[in-house]
């Protein structure tokens, strides 16, 4: 068996290399590209809110889709060092304290994206609970900030409360889809909950 070179990233794969070639900071961009290709959630001129945006791949791609007539705003605990186009900006903030997030007072968005994930512990029950907390915070922001007819994309680790969460999403949107991109790692328990056409 071929051993990885010293210092090599054991998680590196085709998507990691492709992201580097296409100047995205993380492979996660291909999950959003698959979601966009399947559901066409973002359009030119849209206003997109990206929660947990660091290191910036989703934010950069969203900005490309919405173009200069739209806007992509990202929020994360960590700053984004990436050079962003004029229609995108990133701010530091804690989504779990959504009522005090900077720069979004009075803002309304057509799409809310969340690729947030907790620091994993290895304990499935704990990791699911932490993921659920982030998803609930994202859904609260969607309730407050999404325009009628808007779209919601949220990553969640599957677990016992998964059904209850999807029911809460279903209550706010006319259609709900579950999607696991091919670019998600096979061992990952993540799935994306997609709320379409906000009531």
Protein backbone atom coordinates (compact mmCIF):
# COMPACT_ATOMS: atom_id res chain seq x y z
CA UNK A 1 0.00 0.00 0.00
CA UNK A 2 1.31 3.44 -0.92
CA UNK A 3 2.02 5.60 2.12
CA UNK A 4 1.13 9.30 2.06
CA UNK A 5 4.05 11.67 1.77
CA UNK A 6 5.19 13.29 5.04
CA UNK A 7 3.08 16.37 5.73
CA UNK A 8 0.39 15.29 3.24
CA UNK A 9 -3.24 15.99 4.08
CA UNK A 10 -4.82 12.57 4.73
CA UNK A 11 -8.23 14.08 3.82
CA UNK A 12 -7.08 15.34 0.42
CA UNK A 13 -9.09 13.98 -2.48
CA UNK A 14 -10.21 14.87 -6.00
CA UNK A 15 -12.44 17.69 -4.71
CA UNK A 16 -9.67 19.16 -2.57
CA UNK A 17 -7.33 19.31 -5.55
CA UNK A 18 -10.06 20.68 -7.81
CA UNK A 19 -10.85 23.45 -5.29
CA UNK A 20 -7.19 24.45 -5.20
CA UNK A 21 -7.05 24.55 -9.01
CA UNK A 22 -10.23 26.65 -9.22
CA UNK A 23 -9.08 29.04 -6.46
CA UNK A 24 -11.64 28.10 -3.82
CA UNK A 25 -10.34 27.81 -0.24
CA UNK A 26 -12.21 24.56 0.55
CA UNK A 27 -13.70 21.51 -1.17
CA UNK A 28 -17.09 22.25 0.41
CA UNK A 29 -17.88 24.54 -2.52
CA UNK A 30 -18.78 21.49 -4.60
CA UNK A 31 -21.58 20.59 -2.19
CA UNK A 32 -23.17 23.97 -2.85
CA UNK A 33 -22.54 23.66 -6.58
CA UNK A 34 -24.40 20.33 -6.58
CA UNK A 35 -27.27 21.83 -4.59
CA UNK A 36 -27.44 24.78 -6.98
CA UNK A 37 -27.36 22.52 -10.06
CA UNK A 38 -30.19 20.39 -8.66
CA UNK A 39 -32.50 23.03 -7.15
CA UNK A 40 -31.52 26.39 -8.73
CA UNK A 41 -31.97 28.26 -5.45
CA UNK A 42 -29.79 31.28 -6.27
CA UNK A 43 -30.27 33.62 -9.21
CA UNK A 44 -28.67 36.79 -10.53
CA UNK A 45 -29.64 39.75 -8.35
CA UNK A 46 -30.46 37.66 -5.24
CA UNK A 47 -29.45 38.59 -1.70
CA UNK A 48 -27.79 35.64 0.03
CA UNK A 49 -26.91 35.18 3.71
CA UNK A 50 -24.20 32.55 4.31
CA UNK A 51 -23.93 31.35 7.93
CA UNK A 52 -20.66 29.78 9.02
CA UNK A 53 -19.01 31.18 5.91
CA UNK A 54 -15.29 30.70 6.73
CA UNK A 55 -13.01 30.02 4.94
CA UNK A 56 -15.19 31.54 2.21
CA UNK A 57 -15.86 28.98 -0.53
CA UNK A 58 -19.67 29.12 -0.32
CA UNK A 59 -19.61 32.90 -0.02
CA UNK A 60 -17.39 33.28 -3.07
CA UNK A 61 -19.54 30.94 -5.16
CA UNK A 62 -22.77 32.63 -4.04
CA UNK A 63 -21.29 35.98 -5.05
CA UNK A 64 -20.44 34.57 -8.48
CA UNK A 65 -24.02 33.34 -8.98
CA UNK A 66 -25.81 36.50 -7.81
CA UNK A 67 -23.46 38.80 -9.73
CA UNK A 68 -22.88 42.50 -9.19
CA UNK A 69 -26.61 43.16 -9.09
CA UNK A 70 -26.95 40.95 -6.02
CA UNK A 71 -25.29 40.65 -2.63
CA UNK A 72 -23.72 37.83 -0.61
CA UNK A 73 -23.18 38.41 3.10
CA UNK A 74 -21.25 35.90 5.21
CA UNK A 75 -21.08 35.54 8.98
CA UNK A 76 -18.68 33.34 10.95
CA UNK A 77 -16.90 33.17 14.28
CA UNK A 78 -13.65 33.36 12.31
CA UNK A 79 -12.66 36.16 9.92
CA UNK A 80 -12.50 35.38 6.20
CA UNK A 81 -9.09 36.20 4.74
CA UNK A 82 -10.18 35.58 1.15
CA UNK A 83 -10.28 38.49 -1.30
CA UNK A 84 -13.97 38.88 -2.11
CA UNK A 85 -15.69 40.58 -5.06
CA UNK A 86 -17.50 43.87 -4.56
CA UNK A 87 -20.90 42.19 -4.12
CA UNK A 88 -19.72 40.06 -1.17
CA UNK A 89 -18.66 40.81 2.36
CA UNK A 90 -17.91 38.76 5.46
CA UNK A 91 -18.38 39.72 9.09
CA UNK A 92 -17.44 38.16 12.41
CA UNK A 93 -20.44 37.17 14.52
CA UNK A 94 -21.97 34.35 16.55
CA UNK A 95 -25.06 32.84 14.92
CA UNK A 96 -26.11 31.38 18.29
CA UNK A 97 -26.70 35.00 19.31
CA UNK A 98 -28.59 35.90 16.16
CA UNK A 99 -30.44 38.80 17.76
CA UNK A 100 -27.15 40.70 18.07
CA UNK A 101 -25.55 39.87 14.73
CA UNK A 102 -23.86 42.91 13.19
CA UNK A 103 -24.90 44.53 9.95
CA UNK A 104 -28.20 42.79 9.26
CA UNK A 105 -30.74 45.11 10.91
CA UNK A 106 -33.54 45.67 8.44
CA UNK A 107 -31.96 43.36 5.85
CA UNK A 108 -34.04 40.79 3.97
CA UNK A 109 -32.61 37.88 2.00
CA UNK A 110 -33.84 35.65 -0.80
CA UNK A 111 -31.59 32.71 0.18
CA UNK A 112 -30.15 31.65 3.54
CA UNK A 113 -27.32 29.11 3.47
CA UNK A 114 -25.86 27.26 6.44
CA UNK A 115 -22.93 24.87 6.15
CA UNK A 116 -22.25 25.29 9.87
CA UNK A 117 -20.89 22.34 11.80
CA UNK A 118 -19.83 22.04 15.43
CA UNK A 119 -16.41 20.99 16.60
CA UNK A 120 -16.96 17.23 16.63
CA UNK A 121 -16.35 15.13 19.74
CA UNK A 122 -16.59 11.67 18.21
CA UNK A 123 -19.74 11.02 20.23
CA UNK A 124 -22.65 10.79 17.78
CA UNK A 125 -25.28 11.88 20.29
CA UNK A 126 -23.28 14.91 21.40
CA UNK A 127 -22.33 15.87 17.86
CA UNK A 128 -25.95 15.61 16.68
CA UNK A 129 -27.12 17.79 19.59
CA UNK A 130 -24.50 20.43 18.81
CA UNK A 131 -25.36 20.34 15.11
CA UNK A 132 -29.04 20.69 15.96
CA UNK A 133 -28.34 23.83 18.03
CA UNK A 134 -26.71 25.46 15.00
CA UNK A 135 -29.54 24.36 12.71
CA UNK A 136 -32.17 25.77 15.08
CA UNK A 137 -30.29 29.09 15.15
CA UNK A 138 -30.17 29.12 11.34
CA UNK A 139 -33.90 28.40 11.12
CA UNK A 140 -34.70 31.22 13.55
CA UNK A 141 -32.73 33.61 11.35
CA UNK A 142 -34.54 32.29 8.27
CA UNK A 143 -37.87 32.95 9.95
CA UNK A 144 -36.80 36.50 10.70
CA UNK A 145 -34.78 37.46 7.63
CA UNK A 146 -35.97 35.47 4.61
CA UNK A 147 -38.33 37.06 2.12
CA UNK A 148 -41.59 35.25 1.30
CA UNK A 149 -40.80 32.71 -1.40
CA UNK A 150 -37.19 32.46 -0.19
CA UNK A 151 -34.97 29.40 0.14
CA UNK A 152 -33.22 27.78 3.12
CA UNK A 153 -30.27 25.36 2.94
CA UNK A 154 -29.01 23.84 6.17
CA UNK A 155 -26.50 21.09 6.91
CA UNK A 156 -27.38 18.79 9.80
CA UNK A 157 -25.83 15.67 11.33
CA UNK A 158 -28.52 13.01 11.36
CA UNK A 159 -29.75 11.75 14.74
CA UNK A 160 -32.85 11.19 16.83
CA UNK A 161 -34.11 14.80 16.58
CA UNK A 162 -33.68 14.96 12.81
CA UNK A 163 -37.37 14.30 12.09
CA UNK A 164 -38.54 16.97 14.53
CA UNK A 165 -36.24 19.53 12.93
CA UNK A 166 -37.38 18.75 9.39
CA UNK A 167 -40.99 19.10 10.59
CA UNK A 168 -40.20 22.62 11.83
CA UNK A 169 -38.66 23.48 8.47
CA UNK A 170 -41.67 22.02 6.64
CA UNK A 171 -43.99 24.26 8.68
CA UNK A 172 -42.27 27.38 7.27
CA UNK A 173 -41.83 26.35 3.63
CA UNK A 174 -44.16 25.04 0.95
CA UNK A 175 -41.67 22.33 -0.08
CA UNK A 176 -38.90 20.45 1.70
CA UNK A 177 -36.13 18.38 0.12
CA UNK A 178 -33.35 16.29 1.66
CA UNK A 179 -30.11 16.05 -0.29
CA UNK A 180 -26.70 14.47 0.24
CA UNK A 181 -24.22 15.73 -2.37
CA UNK A 182 -21.85 13.27 -4.03
CA UNK A 183 -19.00 15.48 -2.81
CA UNK A 184 -19.91 14.79 0.84
CA UNK A 185 -17.46 12.32 2.33
CA UNK A 186 -18.89 8.80 2.35
CA UNK A 187 -18.40 8.39 6.11
CA UNK A 188 -20.14 11.67 6.89
CA UNK A 189 -23.58 11.64 8.53
CA UNK A 190 -24.33 15.09 7.17
CA UNK A 191 -27.35 15.79 5.02
CA UNK A 192 -28.75 19.06 3.70
CA UNK A 193 -32.27 20.12 4.55
CA UNK A 194 -33.65 22.42 1.85
CA UNK A 195 -36.72 24.55 2.46
CA UNK A 196 -38.21 26.00 -0.72
CA UNK A 197 -40.73 28.82 -1.14
CA UNK A 198 -40.96 30.36 2.32
CA UNK A 199 -44.53 30.91 3.49
